[in-house]
Full PDB file with SEQRES, HELIX, SHEET, SSBOND, CRYST1, ORIGX, SCALE, CONECT and MASTER records, all heavy atoms in Angstrom:
SEQRES   1 A   29  VAL TYR GLY PRO ALA GLY GLU LEU GLN THR ALA GLU GLU          
SEQRES   2 A   29  ARG HIS LYS VAL PHE THR ALA MET ALA GLY THR PHE PRO          
SEQRES   3 A   29  GLY ARG GLY                                                  
HELIX    1 AA1 ALA A   11  THR A   19  1                                   9    
HELIX    2 AA2 ALA A   20  ALA A   22  5                                   3    
SHEET    1 AA1 2 TYR A   2  GLY A   3  0                                        
SHEET    2 AA1 2 GLY A   6  GLU A   7 -1                                        
CRYST1    1.000    1.000    1.000  90.00  90.00  90.00 P 1           1          
ORIGX1      1.000000  0.000000  0.000000        0.00000                         
ORIGX2      0.000000  1.000000  0.000000        0.00000                         
ORIGX3      0.000000  0.000000  1.000000        0.00000                         
SCALE1      1.000000  0.000000  0.000000        0.00000                         
SCALE2      0.000000  1.000000  0.000000        0.00000                         
SCALE3      0.000000  0.000000  1.000000        0.00000                         
ATOM      1  N   VAL A   1      -0.271 -10.799   1.137  1.00  0.00           N  
ATOM      2  CA  VAL A   1       1.014 -10.545   0.533  1.00  0.00           C  
ATOM      3  C   VAL A   1       0.957 -10.440  -0.999  1.00  0.00           C  
ATOM      4  O   VAL A   1       1.862  -9.888  -1.632  1.00  0.00           O  
ATOM      5  CB  VAL A   1       1.988 -11.689   0.922  1.00  0.00           C  
ATOM      6  CG1 VAL A   1       2.338 -11.635   2.361  1.00  0.00           C  
ATOM      7  CG2 VAL A   1       1.369 -13.096   0.588  1.00  0.00           C  
ATOM      8  N   TYR A   2      -0.093 -10.971  -1.620  1.00  0.00           N  
ATOM      9  CA  TYR A   2      -0.281 -10.893  -3.021  1.00  0.00           C  
ATOM     10  C   TYR A   2      -1.703 -10.480  -3.374  1.00  0.00           C  
ATOM     11  O   TYR A   2      -2.651 -10.929  -2.684  1.00  0.00           O  
ATOM     12  CB  TYR A   2       0.065 -12.219  -3.780  1.00  0.00           C  
ATOM     13  CG  TYR A   2       1.480 -12.661  -3.598  1.00  0.00           C  
ATOM     14  CD1 TYR A   2       1.785 -13.768  -2.795  1.00  0.00           C  
ATOM     15  CD2 TYR A   2       2.483 -11.986  -4.272  1.00  0.00           C  
ATOM     16  CE1 TYR A   2       3.077 -14.177  -2.648  1.00  0.00           C  
ATOM     17  CE2 TYR A   2       3.841 -12.410  -4.133  1.00  0.00           C  
ATOM     18  CZ  TYR A   2       4.105 -13.485  -3.342  1.00  0.00           C  
ATOM     19  OH  TYR A   2       5.422 -13.883  -3.148  1.00  0.00           O  
ATOM     20  N   GLY A   3      -1.849  -9.658  -4.406  1.00  0.00           N  
ATOM     21  CA  GLY A   3      -3.119  -9.304  -4.938  1.00  0.00           C  
ATOM     22  C   GLY A   3      -3.225  -9.488  -6.414  1.00  0.00           C  
ATOM     23  O   GLY A   3      -2.262 -10.085  -7.030  1.00  0.00           O  
ATOM     24  N   PRO A   4      -4.314  -9.095  -7.051  1.00  0.00           N  
ATOM     25  CA  PRO A   4      -4.397  -9.259  -8.540  1.00  0.00           C  
ATOM     26  C   PRO A   4      -3.265  -8.650  -9.373  1.00  0.00           C  
ATOM     27  O   PRO A   4      -2.917  -9.147 -10.397  1.00  0.00           O  
ATOM     28  CB  PRO A   4      -5.760  -8.571  -8.864  1.00  0.00           C  
ATOM     29  CG  PRO A   4      -6.536  -8.585  -7.569  1.00  0.00           C  
ATOM     30  CD  PRO A   4      -5.510  -8.469  -6.484  1.00  0.00           C  
ATOM     31  N   ALA A   5      -2.728  -7.555  -8.817  1.00  0.00           N  
ATOM     32  CA  ALA A   5      -1.622  -6.899  -9.564  1.00  0.00           C  
ATOM     33  C   ALA A   5      -0.212  -7.345  -9.122  1.00  0.00           C  
ATOM     34  O   ALA A   5       0.786  -6.841  -9.649  1.00  0.00           O  
ATOM     35  CB  ALA A   5      -1.708  -5.392  -9.380  1.00  0.00           C  
ATOM     36  N   GLY A   6      -0.143  -8.354  -8.230  1.00  0.00           N  
ATOM     37  CA  GLY A   6       1.173  -8.846  -7.829  1.00  0.00           C  
ATOM     38  C   GLY A   6       1.371  -8.598  -6.303  1.00  0.00           C  
ATOM     39  O   GLY A   6       0.416  -8.584  -5.499  1.00  0.00           O  
ATOM     40  N   GLU A   7       2.677  -8.471  -5.940  1.00  0.00           N  
ATOM     41  CA  GLU A   7       2.986  -8.356  -4.516  1.00  0.00           C  
ATOM     42  C   GLU A   7       2.456  -7.045  -3.955  1.00  0.00           C  
ATOM     43  O   GLU A   7       2.558  -6.006  -4.560  1.00  0.00           O  
ATOM     44  CB  GLU A   7       4.487  -8.470  -4.379  1.00  0.00           C  
ATOM     45  CG  GLU A   7       4.918  -8.465  -2.909  1.00  0.00           C  
ATOM     46  CD  GLU A   7       6.430  -8.703  -2.735  1.00  0.00           C  
ATOM     47  OE1 GLU A   7       7.127  -8.820  -3.797  1.00  0.00           O  
ATOM     48  OE2 GLU A   7       6.924  -8.783  -1.591  1.00  0.00           O  
ATOM     49  N   LEU A   8       1.936  -7.193  -2.757  1.00  0.00           N  
ATOM     50  CA  LEU A   8       1.395  -5.964  -2.049  1.00  0.00           C  
ATOM     51  C   LEU A   8       2.470  -5.388  -1.099  1.00  0.00           C  
ATOM     52  O   LEU A   8       2.951  -6.141  -0.252  1.00  0.00           O  
ATOM     53  CB  LEU A   8       0.113  -6.376  -1.234  1.00  0.00           C  
ATOM     54  CG  LEU A   8      -0.996  -6.990  -2.055  1.00  0.00           C  
ATOM     55  CD1 LEU A   8      -2.166  -7.423  -1.142  1.00  0.00           C  
ATOM     56  CD2 LEU A   8      -1.531  -5.968  -3.085  1.00  0.00           C  
ATOM     57  N   GLN A   9       2.781  -4.136  -1.310  1.00  0.00           N  
ATOM     58  CA  GLN A   9       3.825  -3.481  -0.569  1.00  0.00           C  
ATOM     59  C   GLN A   9       3.378  -2.631   0.549  1.00  0.00           C  
ATOM     60  O   GLN A   9       3.985  -2.555   1.643  1.00  0.00           O  
ATOM     61  CB  GLN A   9       4.717  -2.671  -1.508  1.00  0.00           C  
ATOM     62  CG  GLN A   9       5.344  -3.458  -2.667  1.00  0.00           C  
ATOM     63  CD  GLN A   9       6.453  -4.342  -2.145  1.00  0.00           C  
ATOM     64  OE1 GLN A   9       6.970  -4.246  -1.056  1.00  0.00           O  
ATOM     65  NE2 GLN A   9       6.910  -5.238  -3.010  1.00  0.00           N  
ATOM     66  N   THR A  10       2.263  -1.909   0.416  1.00  0.00           N  
ATOM     67  CA  THR A  10       1.781  -1.007   1.415  1.00  0.00           C  
ATOM     68  C   THR A  10       0.465  -1.357   2.063  1.00  0.00           C  
ATOM     69  O   THR A  10      -0.239  -2.211   1.516  1.00  0.00           O  
ATOM     70  CB  THR A  10       1.666   0.418   0.732  1.00  0.00           C  
ATOM     71  OG1 THR A  10       0.607   0.365  -0.215  1.00  0.00           O  
ATOM     72  CG2 THR A  10       2.941   0.816   0.072  1.00  0.00           C  
ATOM     73  N   ALA A  11       0.120  -0.702   3.136  1.00  0.00           N  
ATOM     74  CA  ALA A  11      -1.115  -0.970   3.865  1.00  0.00           C  
ATOM     75  C   ALA A  11      -2.302  -0.501   2.982  1.00  0.00           C  
ATOM     76  O   ALA A  11      -3.357  -1.156   3.049  1.00  0.00           O  
ATOM     77  CB  ALA A  11      -1.127  -0.229   5.206  1.00  0.00           C  
ATOM     78  N   GLU A  12      -2.080   0.578   2.197  1.00  0.00           N  
ATOM     79  CA  GLU A  12      -3.196   0.970   1.299  1.00  0.00           C  
ATOM     80  C   GLU A  12      -3.513  -0.032   0.253  1.00  0.00           C  
ATOM     81  O   GLU A  12      -4.679  -0.257  -0.060  1.00  0.00           O  
ATOM     82  CB  GLU A  12      -2.840   2.338   0.699  1.00  0.00           C  
ATOM     83  CG  GLU A  12      -2.751   3.524   1.614  1.00  0.00           C  
ATOM     84  CD  GLU A  12      -1.448   3.528   2.475  1.00  0.00           C  
ATOM     85  OE1 GLU A  12      -0.554   2.687   2.156  1.00  0.00           O  
ATOM     86  OE2 GLU A  12      -1.412   4.303   3.463  1.00  0.00           O  
ATOM     87  N   GLU A  13      -2.499  -0.692  -0.320  1.00  0.00           N  
ATOM     88  CA  GLU A  13      -2.715  -1.693  -1.292  1.00  0.00           C  
ATOM     89  C   GLU A  13      -3.475  -2.899  -0.697  1.00  0.00           C  
ATOM     90  O   GLU A  13      -4.380  -3.441  -1.363  1.00  0.00           O  
ATOM     91  CB  GLU A  13      -1.371  -2.119  -1.917  1.00  0.00           C  
ATOM     92  CG  GLU A  13      -0.735  -1.077  -2.719  1.00  0.00           C  
ATOM     93  CD  GLU A  13       0.634  -1.518  -3.261  1.00  0.00           C  
ATOM     94  OE1 GLU A  13       1.180  -2.522  -2.735  1.00  0.00           O  
ATOM     95  OE2 GLU A  13       1.230  -0.859  -4.153  1.00  0.00           O  
ATOM     96  N   ARG A  14      -3.065  -3.322   0.500  1.00  0.00           N  
ATOM     97  CA  ARG A  14      -3.737  -4.403   1.149  1.00  0.00           C  
ATOM     98  C   ARG A  14      -5.209  -4.054   1.418  1.00  0.00           C  
ATOM     99  O   ARG A  14      -6.120  -4.899   1.239  1.00  0.00           O  
ATOM    100  CB  ARG A  14      -2.995  -4.788   2.404  1.00  0.00           C  
ATOM    101  CG  ARG A  14      -1.593  -5.238   2.238  1.00  0.00           C  
ATOM    102  CD  ARG A  14      -1.022  -5.741   3.539  1.00  0.00           C  
ATOM    103  NE  ARG A  14       0.404  -6.059   3.404  1.00  0.00           N  
ATOM    104  CZ  ARG A  14       1.440  -5.281   3.639  1.00  0.00           C  
ATOM    105  NH1 ARG A  14       1.235  -4.071   4.046  1.00  0.00           N  
ATOM    106  NH2 ARG A  14       2.650  -5.693   3.457  1.00  0.00           N  
ATOM    107  N   HIS A  15      -5.442  -2.847   1.878  1.00  0.00           N  
ATOM    108  CA  HIS A  15      -6.841  -2.458   2.205  1.00  0.00           C  
ATOM    109  C   HIS A  15      -7.721  -2.423   0.995  1.00  0.00           C  
ATOM    110  O   HIS A  15      -8.838  -2.769   0.985  1.00  0.00           O  
ATOM    111  CB  HIS A  15      -6.810  -1.102   2.880  1.00  0.00           C  
ATOM    112  CG  HIS A  15      -8.151  -0.681   3.389  1.00  0.00           C  
ATOM    113  ND1 HIS A  15      -8.773  -1.206   4.504  1.00  0.00           N  
ATOM    114  CD2 HIS A  15      -9.051   0.237   2.909  1.00  0.00           C  
ATOM    115  CE1 HIS A  15      -9.968  -0.672   4.657  1.00  0.00           C  
ATOM    116  NE2 HIS A  15     -10.143   0.288   3.688  1.00  0.00           N  
ATOM    117  N   LYS A  16      -7.137  -1.948  -0.135  1.00  0.00           N  
ATOM    118  CA  LYS A  16      -7.880  -1.868  -1.364  1.00  0.00           C  
ATOM    119  C   LYS A  16      -8.277  -3.236  -1.870  1.00  0.00           C  
ATOM    120  O   LYS A  16      -9.435  -3.430  -2.253  1.00  0.00           O  
ATOM    121  CB  LYS A  16      -7.022  -1.152  -2.469  1.00  0.00           C  
ATOM    122  CG  LYS A  16      -7.756  -0.932  -3.763  1.00  0.00           C  
ATOM    123  CD  LYS A  16      -6.871  -0.180  -4.720  1.00  0.00           C  
ATOM    124  CE  LYS A  16      -7.613   0.028  -6.071  1.00  0.00           C  
ATOM    125  NZ  LYS A  16      -6.761   0.770  -7.025  1.00  0.00           N  
ATOM    126  N   VAL A  17      -7.377  -4.201  -1.857  1.00  0.00           N  
ATOM    127  CA  VAL A  17      -7.692  -5.570  -2.253  1.00  0.00           C  
ATOM    128  C   VAL A  17      -8.686  -6.201  -1.327  1.00  0.00           C  
ATOM    129  O   VAL A  17      -9.616  -6.866  -1.758  1.00  0.00           O  
ATOM    130  CB  VAL A  17      -6.407  -6.411  -2.339  1.00  0.00           C  
ATOM    131  CG1 VAL A  17      -6.684  -7.904  -2.541  1.00  0.00           C  
ATOM    132  CG2 VAL A  17      -5.451  -5.897  -3.455  1.00  0.00           C  
ATOM    133  N   PHE A  18      -8.580  -5.928  -0.023  1.00  0.00           N  
ATOM    134  CA  PHE A  18      -9.452  -6.589   0.949  1.00  0.00           C  
ATOM    135  C   PHE A  18     -10.862  -6.058   0.816  1.00  0.00           C  
ATOM    136  O   PHE A  18     -11.816  -6.818   0.776  1.00  0.00           O  
ATOM    137  CB  PHE A  18      -8.918  -6.304   2.352  1.00  0.00           C  
ATOM    138  CG  PHE A  18      -9.587  -7.099   3.412  1.00  0.00           C  
ATOM    139  CD1 PHE A  18      -9.243  -8.469   3.588  1.00  0.00           C  
ATOM    140  CD2 PHE A  18     -10.561  -6.565   4.195  1.00  0.00           C  
ATOM    141  CE1 PHE A  18      -9.882  -9.235   4.591  1.00  0.00           C  
ATOM    142  CE2 PHE A  18     -11.233  -7.314   5.196  1.00  0.00           C  
ATOM    143  CZ  PHE A  18     -10.882  -8.636   5.342  1.00  0.00           C  
ATOM    144  N   THR A  19     -11.044  -4.725   0.705  1.00  0.00           N  
ATOM    145  CA  THR A  19     -12.404  -4.226   0.517  1.00  0.00           C  
ATOM    146  C   THR A  19     -13.034  -4.557  -0.796  1.00  0.00           C  
ATOM    147  O   THR A  19     -14.282  -4.595  -0.911  1.00  0.00           O  
ATOM    148  CB  THR A  19     -12.369  -2.684   0.787  1.00  0.00           C  
ATOM    149  OG1 THR A  19     -11.407  -2.099  -0.112  1.00  0.00           O  
ATOM    150  CG2 THR A  19     -12.009  -2.350   2.178  1.00  0.00           C  
ATOM    151  N   ALA A  20     -12.192  -4.809  -1.770  1.00  0.00           N  
ATOM    152  CA  ALA A  20     -12.751  -5.206  -3.087  1.00  0.00           C  
ATOM    153  C   ALA A  20     -13.343  -6.590  -3.114  1.00  0.00           C  
ATOM    154  O   ALA A  20     -13.952  -6.964  -4.094  1.00  0.00           O  
ATOM    155  CB  ALA A  20     -11.641  -5.135  -4.195  1.00  0.00           C  
ATOM    156  N   MET A  21     -13.234  -7.324  -2.046  1.00  0.00           N  
ATOM    157  CA  MET A  21     -13.829  -8.669  -1.942  1.00  0.00           C  
ATOM    158  C   MET A  21     -15.360  -8.636  -2.031  1.00  0.00           C  
ATOM    159  O   MET A  21     -15.984  -9.624  -2.338  1.00  0.00           O  
ATOM    160  CB  MET A  21     -13.424  -9.286  -0.627  1.00  0.00           C  
ATOM    161  CG  MET A  21     -12.009  -9.768  -0.500  1.00  0.00           C  
ATOM    162  SD  MET A  21     -11.628 -11.132  -1.588  1.00  0.00           S  
ATOM    163  CE  MET A  21     -12.653 -12.387  -0.864  1.00  0.00           C  
ATOM    164  N   ALA A  22     -15.919  -7.445  -1.834  1.00  0.00           N  
ATOM    165  CA  ALA A  22     -17.407  -7.361  -1.959  1.00  0.00           C  
ATOM    166  C   ALA A  22     -17.866  -7.431  -3.462  1.00  0.00           C  
ATOM    167  O   ALA A  22     -19.008  -7.636  -3.703  1.00  0.00           O  
ATOM    168  CB  ALA A  22     -17.851  -6.016  -1.295  1.00  0.00           C  
ATOM    169  N   GLY A  23     -16.932  -7.211  -4.357  1.00  0.00           N  
ATOM    170  CA  GLY A  23     -17.260  -7.241  -5.781  1.00  0.00           C  
ATOM    171  C   GLY A  23     -16.765  -8.491  -6.494  1.00  0.00           C  
ATOM    172  O   GLY A  23     -16.605  -9.542  -5.906  1.00  0.00           O  
ATOM    173  N   THR A  24     -16.445  -8.352  -7.764  1.00  0.00           N  
ATOM    174  CA  THR A  24     -15.955  -9.407  -8.583  1.00  0.00           C  
ATOM    175  C   THR A  24     -14.554  -9.057  -9.148  1.00  0.00           C  
ATOM    176  O   THR A  24     -14.221  -7.879  -9.173  1.00  0.00           O  
ATOM    177  CB  THR A  24     -16.884  -9.754  -9.754  1.00  0.00           C  
ATOM    178  OG1 THR A  24     -17.085  -8.548 -10.576  1.00  0.00           O  
ATOM    179  CG2 THR A  24     -18.266 -10.223  -9.231  1.00  0.00           C  
ATOM    180  N   PHE A  25     -13.870 -10.069  -9.559  1.00  0.00           N  
ATOM    181  CA  PHE A  25     -12.516  -9.927 -10.127  1.00  0.00           C  
ATOM    182  C   PHE A  25     -12.358 -10.449 -11.527  1.00  0.00           C  
ATOM    183  O   PHE A  25     -12.780 -11.579 -11.788  1.00  0.00           O  
ATOM    184  CB  PHE A  25     -11.515 -10.609  -9.204  1.00  0.00           C  
ATOM    185  CG  PHE A  25     -11.389  -9.949  -7.860  1.00  0.00           C  
ATOM    186  CD1 PHE A  25     -12.271 -10.260  -6.852  1.00  0.00           C  
ATOM    187  CD2 PHE A  25     -10.313  -9.101  -7.598  1.00  0.00           C  
ATOM    188  CE1 PHE A  25     -12.207  -9.724  -5.601  1.00  0.00           C  
ATOM    189  CE2 PHE A  25     -10.248  -8.492  -6.318  1.00  0.00           C  
ATOM    190  CZ  PHE A  25     -11.181  -8.789  -5.299  1.00  0.00           C  
ATOM    191  N   PRO A  26     -11.860  -9.666 -12.452  1.00  0.00           N  
ATOM    192  CA  PRO A  26     -11.654 -10.184 -13.816  1.00  0.00           C  
ATOM    193  C   PRO A  26     -10.478 -11.134 -13.908  1.00  0.00           C  
ATOM    194  O   PRO A  26      -9.647 -11.162 -13.030  1.00  0.00           O  
ATOM    195  CB  PRO A  26     -11.347  -8.884 -14.615  1.00  0.00           C  
ATOM    196  CG  PRO A  26     -10.720  -8.013 -13.589  1.00  0.00           C  
ATOM    197  CD  PRO A  26     -11.425  -8.306 -12.281  1.00  0.00           C  
ATOM    198  N   GLY A  27     -10.492 -11.957 -14.954  1.00  0.00           N  
ATOM    199  CA  GLY A  27      -9.418 -12.870 -15.158  1.00  0.00           C  
ATOM    200  C   GLY A  27      -8.236 -12.218 -15.812  1.00  0.00           C  
ATOM    201  O   GLY A  27      -8.161 -11.024 -16.086  1.00  0.00           O  
ATOM    202  N   ARG A  28      -7.248 -13.052 -16.183  1.00  0.00           N  
ATOM    203  CA  ARG A  28      -6.025 -12.531 -16.799  1.00  0.00           C  
ATOM    204  C   ARG A  28      -6.222 -12.239 -18.253  1.00  0.00           C  
ATOM    205  O   ARG A  28      -5.586 -11.360 -18.836  1.00  0.00           O  
ATOM    206  CB  ARG A  28      -4.882 -13.558 -16.605  1.00  0.00           C  
ATOM    207  CG  ARG A  28      -4.536 -13.741 -15.134  1.00  0.00           C  
ATOM    208  CD  ARG A  28      -3.424 -14.784 -14.996  1.00  0.00           C  
ATOM    209  NE  ARG A  28      -2.964 -14.917 -13.586  1.00  0.00           N  
ATOM    210  CZ  ARG A  28      -2.018 -15.723 -13.180  1.00  0.00           C  
ATOM    211  NH1 ARG A  28      -1.427 -16.524 -14.100  1.00  0.00           N  
ATOM    212  NH2 ARG A  28      -1.714 -15.825 -11.907  1.00  0.00           N  
ATOM    213  N   GLY A  29      -7.137 -13.025 -18.910  1.00  0.00           N  
ATOM    214  CA  GLY A  29      -7.408 -12.799 -20.319  1.00  0.00           C  
ATOM    215  C   GLY A  29      -8.613 -11.884 -20.542  1.00  0.00           C  
ATOM    216  O   GLY A  29      -9.430 -11.769 -19.703  1.00  0.00           O  
TER     217      GLY A  29                                                      
MASTER        0    0    0    2    2    0    0    6  216    1    0    3          
END                                                                             
């Protein structure tokens, strides 16, 4: 329901966040 950019609305957004789990995520700062 939520990703780095906020609320996830579409299936494409959910899939993009899910497959990105193989990498790393930057912080807010």
